[in-house]
Amino acid sequence: MLEWKPAVGSEIKKIRPVVVISQDTMNRNLDTVVVCPLTKKFHDKCRSRIQIKCSGQSAEIAVEQIRTISKKRLKQKVDKLSSEKSLQLRQLITDMYGE
């Protein structure tokens, strides 16, 4: 059993942008998606983060906060990750969690 609300300890809180990282095939066939949240709280020495621009603002993808969510939680698309940052994200996920 797991209770998601309210956030506990260092879990990311409040409404925020996310990067959908699950494969398109999964996204089409399931009611859930796997995401990494974005944050404006920077941790320059944190190796589990990737710095990006989202809608013109600096942010970090918090890969250590990866989670599966219902698609019903998604509200609107705000930006698209560049191909370069997408590859960097995939590599970091593989480094952190394995293939």
PDB file of N, CA and C in Angstrom:
ATOM      1  N   MET A   1       0.844  -1.179   0.000  1.00  0.00           N
ATOM      2  CA  MET A   1       0.000   0.000   0.000  1.00  0.00           C
ATOM      3  C   MET A   1       0.889   1.242   0.000  1.00  0.00           C
ATOM      4  N   LEU A   2       0.403   2.282  -0.661  1.00  0.00           N
ATOM      5  CA  LEU A   2       1.165   3.521  -0.752  1.00  0.00           C
ATOM      6  C   LEU A   2       0.208   4.690  -0.808  1.00  0.00           C
ATOM      7  N   GLU A   3       0.441   5.694   0.010  1.00  0.00           N
ATOM      8  CA  GLU A   3      -0.365   6.909  -0.041  1.00  0.00           C
ATOM      9  C   GLU A   3       0.479   8.017  -0.655  1.00  0.00           C
ATOM     10  N   TRP A   4       0.017   8.579  -1.778  1.00  0.00           N
ATOM     11  CA  TRP A   4       0.777   9.586  -2.518  1.00  0.00           C
ATOM     12  C   TRP A   4       0.619  10.989  -1.958  1.00  0.00           C
ATOM     13  N   LYS A   5      -0.516  11.272  -1.336  1.00  0.00           N
ATOM     14  CA  LYS A   5      -0.772  12.629  -0.850  1.00  0.00           C
ATOM     15  C   LYS A   5      -0.865  12.606   0.654  1.00  0.00           C
ATOM     16  N   PRO A   6      -0.358  13.586   1.334  1.00  0.00           N
ATOM     17  CA  PRO A   6       0.505  14.646   0.809  1.00  0.00           C
ATOM     18  C   PRO A   6       1.922  14.123   0.565  1.00  0.00           C
ATOM     19  N   ALA A   7       2.718  14.942  -0.112  1.00  0.00           N
ATOM     20  CA  ALA A   7       4.115  14.572  -0.337  1.00  0.00           C
ATOM     21  C   ALA A   7       4.826  14.469   1.012  1.00  0.00           C
ATOM     22  N   VAL A   8       5.775  13.562   1.099  1.00  0.00           N
ATOM     23  CA  VAL A   8       6.487  13.315   2.349  1.00  0.00           C
ATOM     24  C   VAL A   8       7.977  13.555   2.134  1.00  0.00           C
ATOM     25  N   GLY A   9       8.625  14.182   3.107  1.00  0.00           N
ATOM     26  CA  GLY A   9      10.073  14.373   3.060  1.00  0.00           C
ATOM     27  C   GLY A   9      10.533  15.135   1.832  1.00  0.00           C
ATOM     28  N   SER A  10      11.431  14.529   1.051  1.00  0.00           N
ATOM     29  CA  SER A  10      12.021  15.195  -0.116  1.00  0.00           C
ATOM     30  C   SER A  10      11.253  14.965  -1.407  1.00  0.00           C
ATOM     31  N   GLU A  11      10.055  14.370  -1.335  1.00  0.00           N
ATOM     32  CA  GLU A  11       9.267  14.167  -2.553  1.00  0.00           C
ATOM     33  C   GLU A  11       8.883  15.518  -3.148  1.00  0.00           C
ATOM     34  N   ILE A  12       8.847  15.586  -4.464  1.00  0.00           N
ATOM     35  CA  ILE A  12       8.471  16.816  -5.157  1.00  0.00           C
ATOM     36  C   ILE A  12       6.992  17.095  -4.916  1.00  0.00           C
ATOM     37  N   LYS A  13       6.686  18.362  -4.679  1.00  0.00           N
ATOM     38  CA  LYS A  13       5.319  18.769  -4.353  1.00  0.00           C
ATOM     39  C   LYS A  13       4.769  19.697  -5.436  1.00  0.00           C
ATOM     40  N   LYS A  14       3.555  20.046  -5.354  1.00  0.00           N
ATOM     41  CA  LYS A  14       2.778  21.020  -6.135  1.00  0.00           C
ATOM     42  C   LYS A  14       2.689  20.680  -7.624  1.00  0.00           C
ATOM     43  N   ILE A  15       1.897  21.457  -8.335  1.00  0.00           N
ATOM     44  CA  ILE A  15       1.718  21.277  -9.780  1.00  0.00           C
ATOM     45  C   ILE A  15       2.984  21.758 -10.482  1.00  0.00           C
ATOM     46  N   ARG A  16       3.475  20.936 -11.408  1.00  0.00           N
ATOM     47  CA  ARG A  16       4.707  21.303 -12.110  1.00  0.00           C
ATOM     48  C   ARG A  16       4.780  20.570 -13.444  1.00  0.00           C
ATOM     49  N   PRO A  17       5.608  21.060 -14.360  1.00  0.00           N
ATOM     50  CA  PRO A  17       5.799  20.343 -15.622  1.00  0.00           C
ATOM     51  C   PRO A  17       6.516  19.018 -15.377  1.00  0.00           C
ATOM     52  N   VAL A  18       6.294  18.082 -16.289  1.00  0.00           N
ATOM     53  CA  VAL A  18       6.971  16.785 -16.241  1.00  0.00           C
ATOM     54  C   VAL A  18       7.449  16.437 -17.642  1.00  0.00           C
ATOM     55  N   VAL A  19       8.424  15.553 -17.715  1.00  0.00           N
ATOM     56  CA  VAL A  19       8.854  14.974 -18.983  1.00  0.00           C
ATOM     57  C   VAL A  19       8.318  13.545 -19.005  1.00  0.00           C
ATOM     58  N   VAL A  20       7.526  13.229 -20.025  1.00  0.00           N
ATOM     59  CA  VAL A  20       7.027  11.864 -20.182  1.00  0.00           C
ATOM     60  C   VAL A  20       8.164  11.039 -20.762  1.00  0.00           C
ATOM     61  N   ILE A  21       8.560   9.974 -20.056  1.00  0.00           N
ATOM     62  CA  ILE A  21       9.711   9.179 -20.494  1.00  0.00           C
ATOM     63  C   ILE A  21       9.329   7.782 -20.955  1.00  0.00           C
ATOM     64  N   SER A  22       8.083   7.378 -20.741  1.00  0.00           N
ATOM     65  CA  SER A  22       7.666   6.046 -21.190  1.00  0.00           C
ATOM     66  C   SER A  22       7.557   6.019 -22.711  1.00  0.00           C
ATOM     67  N   GLN A  23       7.729   4.835 -23.272  1.00  0.00           N
ATOM     68  CA  GLN A  23       7.705   4.650 -24.724  1.00  0.00           C
ATOM     69  C   GLN A  23       6.313   4.937 -25.296  1.00  0.00           C
ATOM     70  N   ASP A  24       6.257   5.421 -26.536  1.00  0.00           N
ATOM     71  CA  ASP A  24       4.986   5.742 -27.192  1.00  0.00           C
ATOM     72  C   ASP A  24       4.033   4.552 -27.221  1.00  0.00           C
ATOM     73  N   THR A  25       4.563   3.353 -27.461  1.00  0.00           N
ATOM     74  CA  THR A  25       3.717   2.151 -27.495  1.00  0.00           C
ATOM     75  C   THR A  25       3.030   1.945 -26.153  1.00  0.00           C
ATOM     76  N   MET A  26       3.779   2.085 -25.073  1.00  0.00           N
ATOM     77  CA  MET A  26       3.192   1.979 -23.730  1.00  0.00           C
ATOM     78  C   MET A  26       2.140   3.055 -23.527  1.00  0.00           C
ATOM     79  N   ASN A  27       2.464   4.272 -23.931  1.00  0.00           N
ATOM     80  CA  ASN A  27       1.557   5.403 -23.716  1.00  0.00           C
ATOM     81  C   ASN A  27       0.236   5.215 -24.448  1.00  0.00           C
ATOM     82  N   ARG A  28       0.279   4.586 -25.614  1.00  0.00           N
ATOM     83  CA  ARG A  28      -0.954   4.352 -26.379  1.00  0.00           C
ATOM     84  C   ARG A  28      -1.823   3.265 -25.759  1.00  0.00           C
ATOM     85  N   ASN A  29      -1.209   2.294 -25.091  1.00  0.00           N
ATOM     86  CA  ASN A  29      -1.934   1.113 -24.629  1.00  0.00           C
ATOM     87  C   ASN A  29      -2.264   1.087 -23.140  1.00  0.00           C
ATOM     88  N   LEU A  30      -1.701   1.985 -22.369  1.00  0.00           N
ATOM     89  CA  LEU A  30      -1.948   1.997 -20.928  1.00  0.00           C
ATOM     90  C   LEU A  30      -2.625   3.297 -20.506  1.00  0.00           C
ATOM     91  N   ASP A  31      -3.222   3.291 -19.337  1.00  0.00           N
ATOM     92  CA  ASP A  31      -3.843   4.496 -18.780  1.00  0.00           C
ATOM     93  C   ASP A  31      -2.864   5.286 -17.921  1.00  0.00           C
ATOM     94  N   THR A  32      -1.606   4.843 -17.909  1.00  0.00           N
ATOM     95  CA  THR A  32      -0.575   5.510 -17.125  1.00  0.00           C
ATOM     96  C   THR A  32       0.609   5.877 -18.015  1.00  0.00           C
ATOM     97  N   VAL A  33       1.424   6.814 -17.529  1.00  0.00           N
ATOM     98  CA  VAL A  33       2.674   7.186 -18.183  1.00  0.00           C
ATOM     99  C   VAL A  33       3.756   7.295 -17.112  1.00  0.00           C
ATOM    100  N   VAL A  34       4.996   7.110 -17.521  1.00  0.00           N
ATOM    101  CA  VAL A  34       6.125   7.270 -16.610  1.00  0.00           C
ATOM    102  C   VAL A  34       6.711   8.656 -16.860  1.00  0.00           C
ATOM    103  N   VAL A  35       6.923   9.416 -15.784  1.00  0.00           N
ATOM    104  CA  VAL A  35       7.365  10.801 -15.915  1.00  0.00           C
ATOM    105  C   VAL A  35       8.506  11.117 -14.956  1.00  0.00           C
ATOM    106  N   CYS A  36       9.230  12.178 -15.295  1.00  0.00           N
ATOM    107  CA  CYS A  36      10.186  12.804 -14.386  1.00  0.00           C
ATOM    108  C   CYS A  36       9.745  14.256 -14.232  1.00  0.00           C
ATOM    109  N   PRO A  37       9.601  14.739 -13.008  1.00  0.00           N
ATOM    110  CA  PRO A  37       9.174  16.124 -12.813  1.00  0.00           C
ATOM    111  C   PRO A  37      10.305  17.113 -13.084  1.00  0.00           C
ATOM    112  N   LEU A  38       9.915  18.346 -13.398  1.00  0.00           N
ATOM    113  CA  LEU A  38      10.864  19.437 -13.548  1.00  0.00           C
ATOM    114  C   LEU A  38      10.832  20.277 -12.284  1.00  0.00           C
ATOM    115  N   THR A  39      11.972  20.878 -11.969  1.00  0.00           N
ATOM    116  CA  THR A  39      12.066  21.751 -10.809  1.00  0.00           C
ATOM    117  C   THR A  39      12.940  22.952 -11.145  1.00  0.00           C
ATOM    118  N   LYS A  40      12.687  24.061 -10.460  1.00  0.00           N
ATOM    119  CA  LYS A  40      13.527  25.250 -10.604  1.00  0.00           C
ATOM    120  C   LYS A  40      14.526  25.344  -9.457  1.00  0.00           C
ATOM    121  N   LYS A  41      14.459  24.374  -8.535  1.00  0.00           N
ATOM    122  CA  LYS A  41      15.405  24.310  -7.419  1.00  0.00           C
ATOM    123  C   LYS A  41      16.619  23.515  -7.898  1.00  0.00           C
ATOM    124  N   PHE A  42      17.694  24.226  -8.200  1.00  0.00           N
ATOM    125  CA  PHE A  42      18.862  23.613  -8.820  1.00  0.00           C
ATOM    126  C   PHE A  42      19.792  22.969  -7.801  1.00  0.00           C
ATOM    127  N   HIS A  43      20.335  21.834  -8.197  1.00  0.00           N
ATOM    128  CA  HIS A  43      21.346  21.114  -7.424  1.00  0.00           C
ATOM    129  C   HIS A  43      22.490  20.827  -8.387  1.00  0.00           C
ATOM    130  N   ASP A  44      23.395  21.790  -8.521  1.00  0.00           N
ATOM    131  CA  ASP A  44      24.484  21.699  -9.503  1.00  0.00           C
ATOM    132  C   ASP A  44      25.340  20.448  -9.355  1.00  0.00           C
ATOM    133  N   LYS A  45      25.500  19.954  -8.135  1.00  0.00           N
ATOM    134  CA  LYS A  45      26.356  18.786  -7.910  1.00  0.00           C
ATOM    135  C   LYS A  45      25.571  17.485  -7.943  1.00  0.00           C
ATOM    136  N   CYS A  46      24.277  17.569  -8.156  1.00  0.00           N
ATOM    137  CA  CYS A  46      23.422  16.376  -8.179  1.00  0.00           C
ATOM    138  C   CYS A  46      23.543  15.707  -9.544  1.00  0.00           C
ATOM    139  N   ARG A  47      24.034  14.471  -9.570  1.00  0.00           N
ATOM    140  CA  ARG A  47      24.276  13.774 -10.836  1.00  0.00           C
ATOM    141  C   ARG A  47      23.005  13.149 -11.403  1.00  0.00           C
ATOM    142  N   SER A  48      21.886  13.278 -10.700  1.00  0.00           N
ATOM    143  CA  SER A  48      20.632  12.692 -11.175  1.00  0.00           C
ATOM    144  C   SER A  48      19.730  13.742 -11.815  1.00  0.00           C
ATOM    145  N   ARG A  49      20.299  14.865 -12.209  1.00  0.00           N
ATOM    146  CA  ARG A  49      19.523  15.959 -12.795  1.00  0.00           C
ATOM    147  C   ARG A  49      20.114  16.382 -14.132  1.00  0.00           C
ATOM    148  N   ILE A  50      19.237  16.866 -15.015  1.00  0.00           N
ATOM    149  CA  ILE A  50      19.663  17.411 -16.305  1.00  0.00           C
ATOM    150  C   ILE A  50      19.079  18.810 -16.425  1.00  0.00           C
ATOM    151  N   GLN A  51      19.940  19.786 -16.692  1.00  0.00           N
ATOM    152  CA  GLN A  51      19.466  21.161 -16.839  1.00  0.00           C
ATOM    153  C   GLN A  51      18.918  21.365 -18.248  1.00  0.00           C
ATOM    154  N   ILE A  52      17.744  22.018 -18.319  1.00  0.00           N
ATOM    155  CA  ILE A  52      17.083  22.280 -19.600  1.00  0.00           C
ATOM    156  C   ILE A  52      16.428  23.657 -19.571  1.00  0.00           C
ATOM    157  N   LYS A  53      15.875  24.046 -20.709  1.00  0.00           N
ATOM    158  CA  LYS A  53      14.994  25.206 -20.806  1.00  0.00           C
ATOM    159  C   LYS A  53      13.600  24.667 -21.093  1.00  0.00           C
ATOM    160  N   CYS A  54      12.616  25.128 -20.344  1.00  0.00           N
ATOM    161  CA  CYS A  54      11.219  24.744 -20.559  1.00  0.00           C
ATOM    162  C   CYS A  54      10.407  26.019 -20.683  1.00  0.00           C
ATOM    163  N   SER A  55       9.820  26.218 -21.834  1.00  0.00           N
ATOM    164  CA  SER A  55       9.065  27.447 -22.103  1.00  0.00           C
ATOM    165  C   SER A  55       9.906  28.684 -21.806  1.00  0.00           C
ATOM    166  N   GLY A  56      11.202  28.605 -22.166  1.00  0.00           N
ATOM    167  CA  GLY A  56      12.106  29.737 -22.009  1.00  0.00           C
ATOM    168  C   GLY A  56      12.683  29.915 -20.620  1.00  0.00           C
ATOM    169  N   GLN A  57      12.319  29.056 -19.666  1.00  0.00           N
ATOM    170  CA  GLN A  57      12.820  29.176 -18.296  1.00  0.00           C
ATOM    171  C   GLN A  57      13.762  28.021 -17.964  1.00  0.00           C
ATOM    172  N   SER A  58      14.785  28.322 -17.174  1.00  0.00           N
ATOM    173  CA  SER A  58      15.725  27.287 -16.750  1.00  0.00           C
ATOM    174  C   SER A  58      15.049  26.349 -15.761  1.00  0.00           C
ATOM    175  N   ALA A  59      15.326  25.060 -15.917  1.00  0.00           N
ATOM    176  CA  ALA A  59      14.764  24.040 -15.028  1.00  0.00           C
ATOM    177  C   ALA A  59      15.693  22.835 -15.023  1.00  0.00           C
ATOM    178  N   GLU A  60      15.447  21.921 -14.093  1.00  0.00           N
ATOM    179  CA  GLU A  60      16.163  20.656 -14.060  1.00  0.00           C
ATOM    180  C   GLU A  60      15.159  19.517 -14.105  1.00  0.00           C
ATOM    181  N   ILE A  61      15.503  18.479 -14.866  1.00  0.00           N
ATOM    182  CA  ILE A  61      14.712  17.250 -14.854  1.00  0.00           C
ATOM    183  C   ILE A  61      15.202  16.452 -13.651  1.00  0.00           C
ATOM    184  N   ALA A  62      14.296  16.178 -12.718  1.00  0.00           N
ATOM    185  CA  ALA A  62      14.646  15.456 -11.489  1.00  0.00           C
ATOM    186  C   ALA A  62      14.459  13.957 -11.722  1.00  0.00           C
ATOM    187  N   VAL A  63      15.467  13.326 -12.304  1.00  0.00           N
ATOM    188  CA  VAL A  63      15.378  11.915 -12.676  1.00  0.00           C
ATOM    189  C   VAL A  63      15.228  11.028 -11.439  1.00  0.00           C
ATOM    190  N   GLU A  64      15.753  11.460 -10.312  1.00  0.00           N
ATOM    191  CA  GLU A  64      15.624  10.663  -9.082  1.00  0.00           C
ATOM    192  C   GLU A  64      14.189  10.630  -8.553  1.00  0.00           C
ATOM    193  N   GLN A  65      13.317  11.466  -9.126  1.00  0.00           N
ATOM    194  CA  GLN A  65      11.913  11.523  -8.703  1.00  0.00           C
ATOM    195  C   GLN A  65      10.994  10.824  -9.711  1.00  0.00           C
ATOM    196  N   ILE A  66      11.541   9.936 -10.524  1.00  0.00           N
ATOM    197  CA  ILE A  66      10.781   9.210 -11.545  1.00  0.00           C
ATOM    198  C   ILE A  66       9.567   8.526 -10.911  1.00  0.00           C
ATOM    199  N   ARG A  67       8.427   8.559 -11.626  1.00  0.00           N
ATOM    200  CA  ARG A  67       7.231   7.880 -11.118  1.00  0.00           C
ATOM    201  C   ARG A  67       6.232   7.603 -12.225  1.00  0.00           C
ATOM    202  N   THR A  68       5.334   6.682 -11.956  1.00  0.00           N
ATOM    203  CA  THR A  68       4.244   6.350 -12.870  1.00  0.00           C
ATOM    204  C   THR A  68       2.997   7.069 -12.388  1.00  0.00           C
ATOM    205  N   ILE A  69       2.306   7.737 -13.321  1.00  0.00           N
ATOM    206  CA  ILE A  69       1.101   8.481 -12.955  1.00  0.00           C
ATOM    207  C   ILE A  69      -0.036   8.148 -13.919  1.00  0.00           C
ATOM    208  N   SER A  70      -1.248   8.429 -13.501  1.00  0.00           N
ATOM    209  CA  SER A  70      -2.409   8.301 -14.373  1.00  0.00           C
ATOM    210  C   SER A  70      -2.358   9.401 -15.430  1.00  0.00           C
ATOM    211  N   LYS A  71      -2.761   9.087 -16.646  1.00  0.00           N
ATOM    212  CA  LYS A  71      -2.833  10.100 -17.704  1.00  0.00           C
ATOM    213  C   LYS A  71      -3.811  11.208 -17.333  1.00  0.00           C
ATOM    214  N   LYS A  72      -4.766  10.906 -16.461  1.00  0.00           N
ATOM    215  CA  LYS A  72      -5.750  11.909 -16.037  1.00  0.00           C
ATOM    216  C   LYS A  72      -5.098  13.063 -15.287  1.00  0.00           C
ATOM    217  N   ARG A  73      -3.912  12.848 -14.747  1.00  0.00           N
ATOM    218  CA  ARG A  73      -3.196  13.915 -14.038  1.00  0.00           C
ATOM    219  C   ARG A  73      -2.571  14.933 -15.004  1.00  0.00           C
ATOM    220  N   LEU A  74      -2.351  14.536 -16.251  1.00  0.00           N
ATOM    221  CA  LEU A  74      -1.728  15.429 -17.234  1.00  0.00           C
ATOM    222  C   LEU A  74      -2.735  16.480 -17.680  1.00  0.00           C
ATOM    223  N   LYS A  75      -2.312  17.746 -17.692  1.00  0.00           N
ATOM    224  CA  LYS A  75      -3.221  18.847 -18.029  1.00  0.00           C
ATOM    225  C   LYS A  75      -2.994  19.393 -19.434  1.00  0.00           C
ATOM    226  N   GLN A  76      -1.783  19.801 -19.746  1.00  0.00           N
ATOM    227  CA  GLN A  76      -1.507  20.384 -21.061  1.00  0.00           C
ATOM    228  C   GLN A  76      -0.037  20.206 -21.412  1.00  0.00           C
ATOM    229  N   LYS A  77       0.237  20.174 -22.705  1.00  0.00           N
ATOM    230  CA  LYS A  77       1.618  20.104 -23.183  1.00  0.00           C
ATOM    231  C   LYS A  77       2.167  21.524 -23.212  1.00  0.00           C
ATOM    232  N   VAL A  78       3.358  21.719 -22.637  1.00  0.00           N
ATOM    233  CA  VAL A  78       3.912  23.068 -22.580  1.00  0.00           C
ATOM    234  C   VAL A  78       5.180  23.246 -23.408  1.00  0.00           C
ATOM    235  N   ASP A  79       5.868  22.161 -23.723  1.00  0.00           N
ATOM    236  CA  ASP A  79       7.119  22.277 -24.471  1.00  0.00           C
ATOM    237  C   ASP A  79       7.536  20.893 -24.940  1.00  0.00           C
ATOM    238  N   LYS A  80       8.608  20.835 -25.720  1.00  0.00           N
ATOM    239  CA  LYS A  80       9.137  19.558 -26.196  1.00  0.00           C
ATOM    240  C   LYS A  80      10.627  19.518 -25.915  1.00  0.00           C
ATOM    241  N   LEU A  81      11.104  18.379 -25.451  1.00  0.00           N
ATOM    242  CA  LEU A  81      12.516  18.186 -25.153  1.00  0.00           C
ATOM    243  C   LEU A  81      13.299  18.068 -26.456  1.00  0.00           C
ATOM    244  N   SER A  82      14.456  18.725 -26.535  1.00  0.00           N
ATOM    245  CA  SER A  82      15.296  18.628 -27.730  1.00  0.00           C
ATOM    246  C   SER A  82      15.813  17.201 -27.876  1.00  0.00           C
ATOM    247  N   SER A  83      16.191  16.832 -29.093  1.00  0.00           N
ATOM    248  CA  SER A  83      16.740  15.494 -29.344  1.00  0.00           C
ATOM    249  C   SER A  83      17.989  15.249 -28.507  1.00  0.00           C
ATOM    250  N   GLU A  84      18.834  16.264 -28.395  1.00  0.00           N
ATOM    251  CA  GLU A  84      20.073  16.151 -27.619  1.00  0.00           C
ATOM    252  C   GLU A  84      19.769  15.883 -26.145  1.00  0.00           C
ATOM    253  N   LYS A  85      18.848  16.653 -25.576  1.00  0.00           N
ATOM    254  CA  LYS A  85      18.494  16.469 -24.162  1.00  0.00           C
ATOM    255  C   LYS A  85      17.755  15.150 -23.951  1.00  0.00           C
ATOM    256  N   SER A  86      16.985  14.725 -24.934  1.00  0.00           N
ATOM    257  CA  SER A  86      16.280  13.448 -24.846  1.00  0.00           C
ATOM    258  C   SER A  86      17.273  12.289 -24.770  1.00  0.00           C
ATOM    259  N   LEU A  87      18.307  12.322 -25.606  1.00  0.00           N
ATOM    260  CA  LEU A  87      19.353  11.291 -25.564  1.00  0.00           C
ATOM    261  C   LEU A  87      20.110  11.322 -24.237  1.00  0.00           C
ATOM    262  N   GLN A  88      20.404  12.521 -23.765  1.00  0.00           N
ATOM    263  CA  GLN A  88      21.094  12.679 -22.484  1.00  0.00           C
ATOM    264  C   GLN A  88      20.234  12.104 -21.347  1.00  0.00           C
ATOM    265  N   LEU A  89      18.927  12.346 -21.407  1.00  0.00           N
ATOM    266  CA  LEU A  89      18.003  11.825 -20.397  1.00  0.00           C
ATOM    267  C   LEU A  89      17.955  10.303 -20.429  1.00  0.00           C
ATOM    268  N   ARG A  90      17.841   9.724 -21.615  1.00  0.00           N
ATOM    269  CA  ARG A  90      17.820   8.254 -21.745  1.00  0.00           C
ATOM    270  C   ARG A  90      19.100   7.632 -21.175  1.00  0.00           C
ATOM    271  N   GLN A  91      20.242   8.249 -21.460  1.00  0.00           N
ATOM    272  CA  GLN A  91      21.513   7.724 -20.953  1.00  0.00           C
ATOM    273  C   GLN A  91      21.566   7.802 -19.431  1.00  0.00           C
ATOM    274  N   LEU A  92      21.114   8.914 -18.869  1.00  0.00           N
ATOM    275  CA  LEU A  92      21.128   9.066 -17.416  1.00  0.00           C
ATOM    276  C   LEU A  92      20.201   8.048 -16.748  1.00  0.00           C
ATOM    277  N   ILE A  93      19.023   7.827 -17.319  1.00  0.00           N
ATOM    278  CA  ILE A  93      18.092   6.832 -16.771  1.00  0.00           C
ATOM    279  C   ILE A  93      18.733   5.446 -16.798  1.00  0.00           C
ATOM    280  N   THR A  94      19.388   5.109 -17.911  1.00  0.00           N
ATOM    281  CA  THR A  94      20.073   3.816 -18.022  1.00  0.00           C
ATOM    282  C   THR A  94      21.195   3.711 -16.991  1.00  0.00           C
ATOM    283  N   ASP A  95      21.971   4.782 -16.830  1.00  0.00           N
ATOM    284  CA  ASP A  95      23.058   4.779 -15.848  1.00  0.00           C
ATOM    285  C   ASP A  95      22.528   4.601 -14.426  1.00  0.00           C
ATOM    286  N   MET A  96      21.399   5.235 -14.131  1.00  0.00           N
ATOM    287  CA  MET A  96      20.856   5.200 -12.770  1.00  0.00           C
ATOM    288  C   MET A  96      20.097   3.919 -12.456  1.00  0.00           C
ATOM    289  N   TYR A  97      19.323   3.431 -13.424  1.00  0.00           N
ATOM    290  CA  TYR A  97      18.394   2.332 -13.147  1.00  0.00           C
ATOM    291  C   TYR A  97      18.687   1.056 -13.933  1.00  0.00           C
ATOM    292  N   GLY A  98      19.631   1.098 -14.864  1.00  0.00           N
ATOM    293  CA  GLY A  98      19.963  -0.081 -15.665  1.00  0.00           C
ATOM    294  C   GLY A  98      19.143  -0.145 -16.937  1.00  0.00           C
ATOM    295  N   GLU A  99      19.463  -1.117 -17.774  1.00  0.00           N
ATOM    296  CA  GLU A  99      18.772  -1.256 -19.063  1.00  0.00           C
ATOM    297  C   GLU A  99      17.489  -2.027 -18.921  1.00  0.00           C
TER     298      GLU A  99
END
